[in-house]
Amino acid sequence: MRWWPISGQIESGVVYQFDVPHCGLDWVVDFDGSFWEPNYPPGREPSCASNGGRGTMTLIEPDRARYVASDDSQITLVRVDGPIVRNGCF
């Protein structure tokens, strides 16, 4: 299935409340009019990589955002160009 982002643009440096979808950061993250992929070391995936949760998201550079989970763990995300193709979350 092909997905397009539906979120609006946000202001850089502002901390926004952000709910991770139930399939986690590894599935679909729609923020600032784009999709984002987490950038963490292999084998060091936080629980929010595959599970939903609440936290905050901040645009820290034009192509980089930071998610801070409720347990204060931080994950950097990178912007993805265009629509993405994903199968359903199981």
PDB file of N, CA and C in Angstrom:
ATOM      1  N   MET A   1       0.841  -1.167   0.000  1.00  0.00           N
ATOM      2  CA  MET A   1       0.000   0.000   0.000  1.00  0.00           C
ATOM      3  C   MET A   1       0.896   1.244   0.000  1.00  0.00           C
ATOM      4  N   ARG A   2       0.556   2.228  -0.794  1.00  0.00           N
ATOM      5  CA  ARG A   2       1.310   3.478  -0.882  1.00  0.00           C
ATOM      6  C   ARG A   2       0.670   4.515   0.043  1.00  0.00           C
ATOM      7  N   TRP A   3       1.526   5.182   0.820  1.00  0.00           N
ATOM      8  CA  TRP A   3       1.067   6.170   1.802  1.00  0.00           C
ATOM      9  C   TRP A   3       1.685   7.536   1.492  1.00  0.00           C
ATOM     10  N   TRP A   4       0.898   8.584   1.676  1.00  0.00           N
ATOM     11  CA  TRP A   4       1.384   9.953   1.548  1.00  0.00           C
ATOM     12  C   TRP A   4       1.225  10.633   2.895  1.00  0.00           C
ATOM     13  N   PRO A   5       2.136  11.534   3.252  1.00  0.00           N
ATOM     14  CA  PRO A   5       2.014  12.236   4.534  1.00  0.00           C
ATOM     15  C   PRO A   5       0.798  13.164   4.523  1.00  0.00           C
ATOM     16  N   ILE A   6       0.184  13.309   5.687  1.00  0.00           N
ATOM     17  CA  ILE A   6      -0.981  14.197   5.801  1.00  0.00           C
ATOM     18  C   ILE A   6      -0.773  15.289   6.853  1.00  0.00           C
ATOM     19  N   SER A   7       0.351  15.237   7.563  1.00  0.00           N
ATOM     20  CA  SER A   7       0.596  16.229   8.615  1.00  0.00           C
ATOM     21  C   SER A   7       0.938  17.588   7.997  1.00  0.00           C
ATOM     22  N   GLY A   8       0.678  18.636   8.759  1.00  0.00           N
ATOM     23  CA  GLY A   8       1.026  19.983   8.327  1.00  0.00           C
ATOM     24  C   GLY A   8       2.452  20.327   8.703  1.00  0.00           C
ATOM     25  N   GLN A   9       2.934  21.437   8.157  1.00  0.00           N
ATOM     26  CA  GLN A   9       4.277  21.883   8.499  1.00  0.00           C
ATOM     27  C   GLN A   9       4.296  22.456   9.903  1.00  0.00           C
ATOM     28  N   ILE A  10       5.427  22.316  10.561  1.00  0.00           N
ATOM     29  CA  ILE A  10       5.583  22.786  11.931  1.00  0.00           C
ATOM     30  C   ILE A  10       6.737  23.780  11.998  1.00  0.00           C
ATOM     31  N   GLU A  11       6.945  24.333  13.167  1.00  0.00           N
ATOM     32  CA  GLU A  11       8.013  25.308  13.370  1.00  0.00           C
ATOM     33  C   GLU A  11       9.242  24.617  13.955  1.00  0.00           C
ATOM     34  N   SER A  12      10.391  24.870  13.363  1.00  0.00           N
ATOM     35  CA  SER A  12      11.640  24.269  13.820  1.00  0.00           C
ATOM     36  C   SER A  12      11.954  24.692  15.250  1.00  0.00           C
ATOM     37  N   GLY A  13      12.452  23.748  16.044  1.00  0.00           N
ATOM     38  CA  GLY A  13      12.866  24.034  17.415  1.00  0.00           C
ATOM     39  C   GLY A  13      11.759  24.008  18.448  1.00  0.00           C
ATOM     40  N   VAL A  14      10.517  23.886  18.024  1.00  0.00           N
ATOM     41  CA  VAL A  14       9.384  23.839  18.944  1.00  0.00           C
ATOM     42  C   VAL A  14       9.115  22.380  19.321  1.00  0.00           C
ATOM     43  N   VAL A  15       8.871  22.125  20.596  1.00  0.00           N
ATOM     44  CA  VAL A  15       8.593  20.771  21.081  1.00  0.00           C
ATOM     45  C   VAL A  15       7.093  20.510  20.948  1.00  0.00           C
ATOM     46  N   TYR A  16       6.738  19.451  20.220  1.00  0.00           N
ATOM     47  CA  TYR A  16       5.340  19.080  19.992  1.00  0.00           C
ATOM     48  C   TYR A  16       5.043  17.743  20.662  1.00  0.00           C
ATOM     49  N   GLN A  17       3.867  17.631  21.260  1.00  0.00           N
ATOM     50  CA  GLN A  17       3.420  16.333  21.753  1.00  0.00           C
ATOM     51  C   GLN A  17       3.274  15.419  20.553  1.00  0.00           C
ATOM     52  N   PHE A  18       3.692  14.157  20.693  1.00  0.00           N
ATOM     53  CA  PHE A  18       3.642  13.244  19.559  1.00  0.00           C
ATOM     54  C   PHE A  18       3.318  11.840  20.048  1.00  0.00           C
ATOM     55  N   ASP A  19       2.290  11.254  19.464  1.00  0.00           N
ATOM     56  CA  ASP A  19       1.917   9.874  19.767  1.00  0.00           C
ATOM     57  C   ASP A  19       2.483   8.968  18.683  1.00  0.00           C
ATOM     58  N   VAL A  20       3.295   8.014  19.076  1.00  0.00           N
ATOM     59  CA  VAL A  20       3.829   7.030  18.139  1.00  0.00           C
ATOM     60  C   VAL A  20       2.701   6.054  17.815  1.00  0.00           C
ATOM     61  N   PRO A  21       2.488   5.736  16.523  1.00  0.00           N
ATOM     62  CA  PRO A  21       1.434   4.792  16.171  1.00  0.00           C
ATOM     63  C   PRO A  21       1.659   3.427  16.814  1.00  0.00           C
ATOM     64  N   HIS A  22       0.603   2.636  16.914  1.00  0.00           N
ATOM     65  CA  HIS A  22       0.686   1.358  17.633  1.00  0.00           C
ATOM     66  C   HIS A  22       1.724   0.409  17.053  1.00  0.00           C
ATOM     67  N   CYS A  23       2.148   0.590  15.820  1.00  0.00           N
ATOM     68  CA  CYS A  23       3.184  -0.270  15.231  1.00  0.00           C
ATOM     69  C   CYS A  23       4.577   0.300  15.443  1.00  0.00           C
ATOM     70  N   GLY A  24       4.703   1.426  16.088  1.00  0.00           N
ATOM     71  CA  GLY A  24       6.000   1.975  16.452  1.00  0.00           C
ATOM     72  C   GLY A  24       6.645   2.872  15.405  1.00  0.00           C
ATOM     73  N   LEU A  25       7.823   3.367  15.756  1.00  0.00           N
ATOM     74  CA  LEU A  25       8.563   4.283  14.886  1.00  0.00           C
ATOM     75  C   LEU A  25       9.066   3.609  13.610  1.00  0.00           C
ATOM     76  N   ASP A  26       9.184   2.290  13.613  1.00  0.00           N
ATOM     77  CA  ASP A  26       9.678   1.581  12.434  1.00  0.00           C
ATOM     78  C   ASP A  26       8.625   1.451  11.339  1.00  0.00           C
ATOM     79  N   TRP A  27       7.378   1.792  11.616  1.00  0.00           N
ATOM     80  CA  TRP A  27       6.342   1.589  10.604  1.00  0.00           C
ATOM     81  C   TRP A  27       6.101   2.875   9.817  1.00  0.00           C
ATOM     82  N   VAL A  28       5.337   3.812  10.320  1.00  0.00           N
ATOM     83  CA  VAL A  28       5.047   5.067   9.621  1.00  0.00           C
ATOM     84  C   VAL A  28       5.062   6.209  10.625  1.00  0.00           C
ATOM     85  N   VAL A  29       5.946   7.184  10.423  1.00  0.00           N
ATOM     86  CA  VAL A  29       5.974   8.393  11.243  1.00  0.00           C
ATOM     87  C   VAL A  29       5.715   9.570  10.306  1.00  0.00           C
ATOM     88  N   ASP A  30       4.591  10.255  10.507  1.00  0.00           N
ATOM     89  CA  ASP A  30       4.183  11.398   9.691  1.00  0.00           C
ATOM     90  C   ASP A  30       4.326  12.648  10.554  1.00  0.00           C
ATOM     91  N   PHE A  31       5.242  13.531  10.177  1.00  0.00           N
ATOM     92  CA  PHE A  31       5.558  14.728  10.962  1.00  0.00           C
ATOM     93  C   PHE A  31       6.075  15.799  10.010  1.00  0.00           C
ATOM     94  N   ASP A  32       5.646  17.021  10.156  1.00  0.00           N
ATOM     95  CA  ASP A  32       6.105  18.153   9.348  1.00  0.00           C
ATOM     96  C   ASP A  32       5.918  17.914   7.850  1.00  0.00           C
ATOM     97  N   GLY A  33       4.795  17.337   7.465  1.00  0.00           N
ATOM     98  CA  GLY A  33       4.480  17.142   6.052  1.00  0.00           C
ATOM     99  C   GLY A  33       5.324  16.099   5.353  1.00  0.00           C
ATOM    100  N   SER A  34       6.013  15.243   6.113  1.00  0.00           N
ATOM    101  CA  SER A  34       6.889  14.212   5.541  1.00  0.00           C
ATOM    102  C   SER A  34       6.848  12.955   6.394  1.00  0.00           C
ATOM    103  N   PHE A  35       7.376  11.884   5.814  1.00  0.00           N
ATOM    104  CA  PHE A  35       7.601  10.673   6.590  1.00  0.00           C
ATOM    105  C   PHE A  35       9.027  10.679   7.109  1.00  0.00           C
ATOM    106  N   TRP A  36       9.237   9.953   8.197  1.00  0.00           N
ATOM    107  CA  TRP A  36      10.528   9.928   8.890  1.00  0.00           C
ATOM    108  C   TRP A  36      10.887   8.502   9.256  1.00  0.00           C
ATOM    109  N   GLU A  37      12.192   8.212   9.251  1.00  0.00           N
ATOM    110  CA  GLU A  37      12.681   6.907   9.683  1.00  0.00           C
ATOM    111  C   GLU A  37      13.622   7.096  10.864  1.00  0.00           C
ATOM    112  N   PRO A  38      13.512   6.224  11.869  1.00  0.00           N
ATOM    113  CA  PRO A  38      14.407   6.330  13.025  1.00  0.00           C
ATOM    114  C   PRO A  38      15.834   5.966  12.646  1.00  0.00           C
ATOM    115  N   ASN A  39      16.771   6.575  13.329  1.00  0.00           N
ATOM    116  CA  ASN A  39      18.196   6.330  13.080  1.00  0.00           C
ATOM    117  C   ASN A  39      18.842   5.965  14.416  1.00  0.00           C
ATOM    118  N   TYR A  40      18.849   4.678  14.741  1.00  0.00           N
ATOM    119  CA  TYR A  40      19.479   4.199  15.966  1.00  0.00           C
ATOM    120  C   TYR A  40      20.380   3.013  15.630  1.00  0.00           C
ATOM    121  N   PRO A  41      21.340   2.750  16.473  1.00  0.00           N
ATOM    122  CA  PRO A  41      22.280   1.655  16.186  1.00  0.00           C
ATOM    123  C   PRO A  41      21.565   0.309  16.085  1.00  0.00           C
ATOM    124  N   PRO A  42      21.949  -0.531  15.130  1.00  0.00           N
ATOM    125  CA  PRO A  42      21.351  -1.865  15.017  1.00  0.00           C
ATOM    126  C   PRO A  42      21.475  -2.630  16.330  1.00  0.00           C
ATOM    127  N   GLY A  43      20.414  -3.329  16.684  1.00  0.00           N
ATOM    128  CA  GLY A  43      20.408  -4.103  17.908  1.00  0.00           C
ATOM    129  C   GLY A  43      20.137  -3.289  19.155  1.00  0.00           C
ATOM    130  N   ARG A  44      19.955  -1.999  19.005  1.00  0.00           N
ATOM    131  CA  ARG A  44      19.691  -1.123  20.161  1.00  0.00           C
ATOM    132  C   ARG A  44      18.359  -0.416  19.989  1.00  0.00           C
ATOM    133  N   GLU A  45      17.394  -1.129  19.453  1.00  0.00           N
ATOM    134  CA  GLU A  45      16.087  -0.554  19.190  1.00  0.00           C
ATOM    135  C   GLU A  45      15.333  -0.323  20.497  1.00  0.00           C
ATOM    136  N   PRO A  46      14.836   0.889  20.704  1.00  0.00           N
ATOM    137  CA  PRO A  46      14.035   1.160  21.896  1.00  0.00           C
ATOM    138  C   PRO A  46      12.662   0.505  21.755  1.00  0.00           C
ATOM    139  N   SER A  47      11.930   0.404  22.843  1.00  0.00           N
ATOM    140  CA  SER A  47      10.612  -0.235  22.795  1.00  0.00           C
ATOM    141  C   SER A  47       9.669   0.472  21.835  1.00  0.00           C
ATOM    142  N   CYS A  48       9.832   1.794  21.647  1.00  0.00           N
ATOM    143  CA  CYS A  48       8.933   2.527  20.756  1.00  0.00           C
ATOM    144  C   CYS A  48       9.239   2.242  19.282  1.00  0.00           C
ATOM    145  N   ALA A  49      10.286   1.465  18.989  1.00  0.00           N
ATOM    146  CA  ALA A  49      10.575   1.100  17.603  1.00  0.00           C
ATOM    147  C   ALA A  49       9.462   0.239  17.028  1.00  0.00           C
ATOM    148  N   SER A  50       8.877  -0.610  17.851  1.00  0.00           N
ATOM    149  CA  SER A  50       7.827  -1.497  17.358  1.00  0.00           C
ATOM    150  C   SER A  50       6.542  -1.418  18.169  1.00  0.00           C
ATOM    151  N   ASN A  51       6.469  -0.499  19.111  1.00  0.00           N
ATOM    152  CA  ASN A  51       5.271  -0.311  19.936  1.00  0.00           C
ATOM    153  C   ASN A  51       4.893   1.162  19.971  1.00  0.00           C
ATOM    154  N   GLY A  52       3.628   1.410  20.181  1.00  0.00           N
ATOM    155  CA  GLY A  52       3.171   2.786  20.290  1.00  0.00           C
ATOM    156  C   GLY A  52       3.578   3.412  21.607  1.00  0.00           C
ATOM    157  N   GLY A  53       3.397   4.695  21.696  1.00  0.00           N
ATOM    158  CA  GLY A  53       3.719   5.399  22.927  1.00  0.00           C
ATOM    159  C   GLY A  53       3.530   6.892  22.772  1.00  0.00           C
ATOM    160  N   ARG A  54       3.683   7.595  23.878  1.00  0.00           N
ATOM    161  CA  ARG A  54       3.557   9.047  23.878  1.00  0.00           C
ATOM    162  C   ARG A  54       4.879   9.690  24.202  1.00  0.00           C
ATOM    163  N   GLY A  55       5.122  10.822  23.574  1.00  0.00           N
ATOM    164  CA  GLY A  55       6.346  11.557  23.822  1.00  0.00           C
ATOM    165  C   GLY A  55       6.280  12.908  23.148  1.00  0.00           C
ATOM    166  N   THR A  56       7.437  13.418  22.770  1.00  0.00           N
ATOM    167  CA  THR A  56       7.502  14.696  22.072  1.00  0.00           C
ATOM    168  C   THR A  56       8.366  14.558  20.827  1.00  0.00           C
ATOM    169  N   MET A  57       8.120  15.437  19.862  1.00  0.00           N
ATOM    170  CA  MET A  57       8.903  15.462  18.635  1.00  0.00           C
ATOM    171  C   MET A  57       9.301  16.911  18.380  1.00  0.00           C
ATOM    172  N   THR A  58      10.568  17.085  17.969  1.00  0.00           N
ATOM    173  CA  THR A  58      11.104  18.409  17.686  1.00  0.00           C
ATOM    174  C   THR A  58      11.880  18.353  16.383  1.00  0.00           C
ATOM    175  N   LEU A  59      11.618  19.294  15.492  1.00  0.00           N
ATOM    176  CA  LEU A  59      12.401  19.422  14.272  1.00  0.00           C
ATOM    177  C   LEU A  59      13.693  20.128  14.655  1.00  0.00           C
ATOM    178  N   ILE A  60      14.835  19.422  14.556  1.00  0.00           N
ATOM    179  CA  ILE A  60      16.097  20.003  15.009  1.00  0.00           C
ATOM    180  C   ILE A  60      16.954  20.508  13.850  1.00  0.00           C
ATOM    181  N   GLU A  61      16.721  20.007  12.655  1.00  0.00           N
ATOM    182  CA  GLU A  61      17.349  20.453  11.417  1.00  0.00           C
ATOM    183  C   GLU A  61      16.330  20.198  10.317  1.00  0.00           C
ATOM    184  N   PRO A  62      16.494  20.777   9.133  1.00  0.00           N
ATOM    185  CA  PRO A  62      15.483  20.558   8.087  1.00  0.00           C
ATOM    186  C   PRO A  62      15.190  19.082   7.799  1.00  0.00           C
ATOM    187  N   ASP A  63      16.178  18.206   7.916  1.00  0.00           N
ATOM    188  CA  ASP A  63      15.975  16.787   7.624  1.00  0.00           C
ATOM    189  C   ASP A  63      16.199  15.877   8.825  1.00  0.00           C
ATOM    190  N   ARG A  64      16.175  16.452  10.033  1.00  0.00           N
ATOM    191  CA  ARG A  64      16.376  15.659  11.251  1.00  0.00           C
ATOM    192  C   ARG A  64      15.389  16.113  12.325  1.00  0.00           C
ATOM    193  N   ALA A  65      14.821  15.120  13.006  1.00  0.00           N
ATOM    194  CA  ALA A  65      13.901  15.389  14.107  1.00  0.00           C
ATOM    195  C   ALA A  65      14.327  14.527  15.295  1.00  0.00           C
ATOM    196  N   ARG A  66      13.890  14.923  16.479  1.00  0.00           N
ATOM    197  CA  ARG A  66      14.201  14.156  17.688  1.00  0.00           C
ATOM    198  C   ARG A  66      12.898  13.790  18.380  1.00  0.00           C
ATOM    199  N   TYR A  67      12.744  12.488  18.630  1.00  0.00           N
ATOM    200  CA  TYR A  67      11.621  11.993  19.426  1.00  0.00           C
ATOM    201  C   TYR A  67      12.143  11.690  20.817  1.00  0.00           C
ATOM    202  N   VAL A  68      11.444  12.179  21.840  1.00  0.00           N
ATOM    203  CA  VAL A  68      11.771  11.878  23.232  1.00  0.00           C
ATOM    204  C   VAL A  68      10.584  11.106  23.803  1.00  0.00           C
ATOM    205  N   ALA A  69      10.839   9.860  24.189  1.00  0.00           N
ATOM    206  CA  ALA A  69       9.796   8.985  24.723  1.00  0.00           C
ATOM    207  C   ALA A  69       9.464   9.361  26.162  1.00  0.00           C
ATOM    208  N   SER A  70       8.389   8.797  26.668  1.00  0.00           N
ATOM    209  CA  SER A  70       7.957   9.095  28.041  1.00  0.00           C
ATOM    210  C   SER A  70       8.983   8.636  29.074  1.00  0.00           C
ATOM    211  N   ASP A  71       9.880   7.687  28.694  1.00  0.00           N
ATOM    212  CA  ASP A  71      10.932   7.253  29.619  1.00  0.00           C
ATOM    213  C   ASP A  71      12.214   8.076  29.439  1.00  0.00           C
ATOM    214  N   ASP A  72      12.123   9.177  28.686  1.00  0.00           N
ATOM    215  CA  ASP A  72      13.219  10.113  28.392  1.00  0.00           C
ATOM    216  C   ASP A  72      14.261   9.566  27.415  1.00  0.00           C
ATOM    217  N   SER A  73      14.040   8.391  26.833  1.00  0.00           N
ATOM    218  CA  SER A  73      14.959   7.938  25.782  1.00  0.00           C
ATOM    219  C   SER A  73      14.744   8.814  24.550  1.00  0.00           C
ATOM    220  N   GLN A  74      15.821   9.051  23.801  1.00  0.00           N
ATOM    221  CA  GLN A  74      15.768   9.933  22.639  1.00  0.00           C
ATOM    222  C   GLN A  74      16.156   9.171  21.383  1.00  0.00           C
ATOM    223  N   ILE A  75      15.426   9.446  20.304  1.00  0.00           N
ATOM    224  CA  ILE A  75      15.684   8.814  19.022  1.00  0.00           C
ATOM    225  C   ILE A  75      15.731   9.910  17.967  1.00  0.00           C
ATOM    226  N   THR A  76      16.763   9.891  17.143  1.00  0.00           N
ATOM    227  CA  THR A  76      16.845  10.819  16.021  1.00  0.00           C
ATOM    228  C   THR A  76      16.188  10.170  14.816  1.00  0.00           C
ATOM    229  N   LEU A  77      15.430  10.964  14.072  1.00  0.00           N
ATOM    230  CA  LEU A  77      14.771  10.488  12.863  1.00  0.00           C
ATOM    231  C   LEU A  77      15.242  11.317  11.684  1.00  0.00           C
ATOM    232  N   VAL A  78      15.272  10.696  10.497  1.00  0.00           N
ATOM    233  CA  VAL A  78      15.657  11.395   9.274  1.00  0.00           C
ATOM    234  C   VAL A  78      14.472  11.431   8.317  1.00  0.00           C
ATOM    235  N   ARG A  79      14.354  12.551   7.605  1.00  0.00           N
ATOM    236  CA  ARG A  79      13.242  12.769   6.676  1.00  0.00           C
ATOM    237  C   ARG A  79      13.358  11.828   5.477  1.00  0.00           C
ATOM    238  N   VAL A  80      12.213  11.335   5.010  1.00  0.00           N
ATOM    239  CA  VAL A  80      12.125  10.462   3.846  1.00  0.00           C
ATOM    240  C   VAL A  80      11.390  11.224   2.750  1.00  0.00           C
ATOM    241  N   ASP A  81      11.953  11.243   1.550  1.00  0.00           N
ATOM    242  CA  ASP A  81      11.301  11.930   0.427  1.00  0.00           C
ATOM    243  C   ASP A  81      10.166  11.100  -0.143  1.00  0.00           C
ATOM    244  N   GLY A  82       9.108  11.789  -0.554  1.00  0.00           N
ATOM    245  CA  GLY A  82       8.016  11.177  -1.305  1.00  0.00           C
ATOM    246  C   GLY A  82       7.132  10.253  -0.497  1.00  0.00           C
ATOM    247  N   PRO A  83       6.195   9.605  -1.194  1.00  0.00           N
ATOM    248  CA  PRO A  83       5.339   8.624  -0.515  1.00  0.00           C
ATOM    249  C   PRO A  83       6.152   7.382  -0.174  1.00  0.00           C
ATOM    250  N   ILE A  84       5.616   6.567   0.718  1.00  0.00           N
ATOM    251  CA  ILE A  84       6.271   5.317   1.092  1.00  0.00           C
ATOM    252  C   ILE A  84       5.326   4.166   0.810  1.00  0.00           C
ATOM    253  N   VAL A  85       5.874   2.990   0.687  1.00  0.00           N
ATOM    254  CA  VAL A  85       5.086   1.783   0.481  1.00  0.00           C
ATOM    255  C   VAL A  85       5.250   0.908   1.707  1.00  0.00           C
ATOM    256  N   ARG A  86       4.147   0.569   2.344  1.00  0.00           N
ATOM    257  CA  ARG A  86       4.154  -0.299   3.520  1.00  0.00           C
ATOM    258  C   ARG A  86       2.952  -1.225   3.447  1.00  0.00           C
ATOM    259  N   ASN A  87       3.133  -2.448   3.888  1.00  0.00           N
ATOM    260  CA  ASN A  87       2.015  -3.349   4.098  1.00  0.00           C
ATOM    261  C   ASN A  87       1.417  -3.011   5.451  1.00  0.00           C
ATOM    262  N   GLY A  88       0.287  -3.585   5.768  1.00  0.00           N
ATOM    263  CA  GLY A  88      -0.358  -3.315   7.040  1.00  0.00           C
ATOM    264  C   GLY A  88       0.494  -3.692   8.230  1.00  0.00           C
ATOM    265  N   CYS A  89       0.201  -3.081   9.335  1.00  0.00           N
ATOM    266  CA  CYS A  89       0.887  -3.372  10.595  1.00  0.00           C
ATOM    267  C   CYS A  89       0.206  -4.589  11.218  1.00  0.00           C
ATOM    268  N   PHE A  90       0.997  -5.551  11.651  1.00  0.00           N
ATOM    269  CA  PHE A  90       0.405  -6.788  12.193  1.00  0.00           C
ATOM    270  C   PHE A  90       0.601  -6.888  13.668  1.00  0.00           C
TER     271      PHE A  90
END
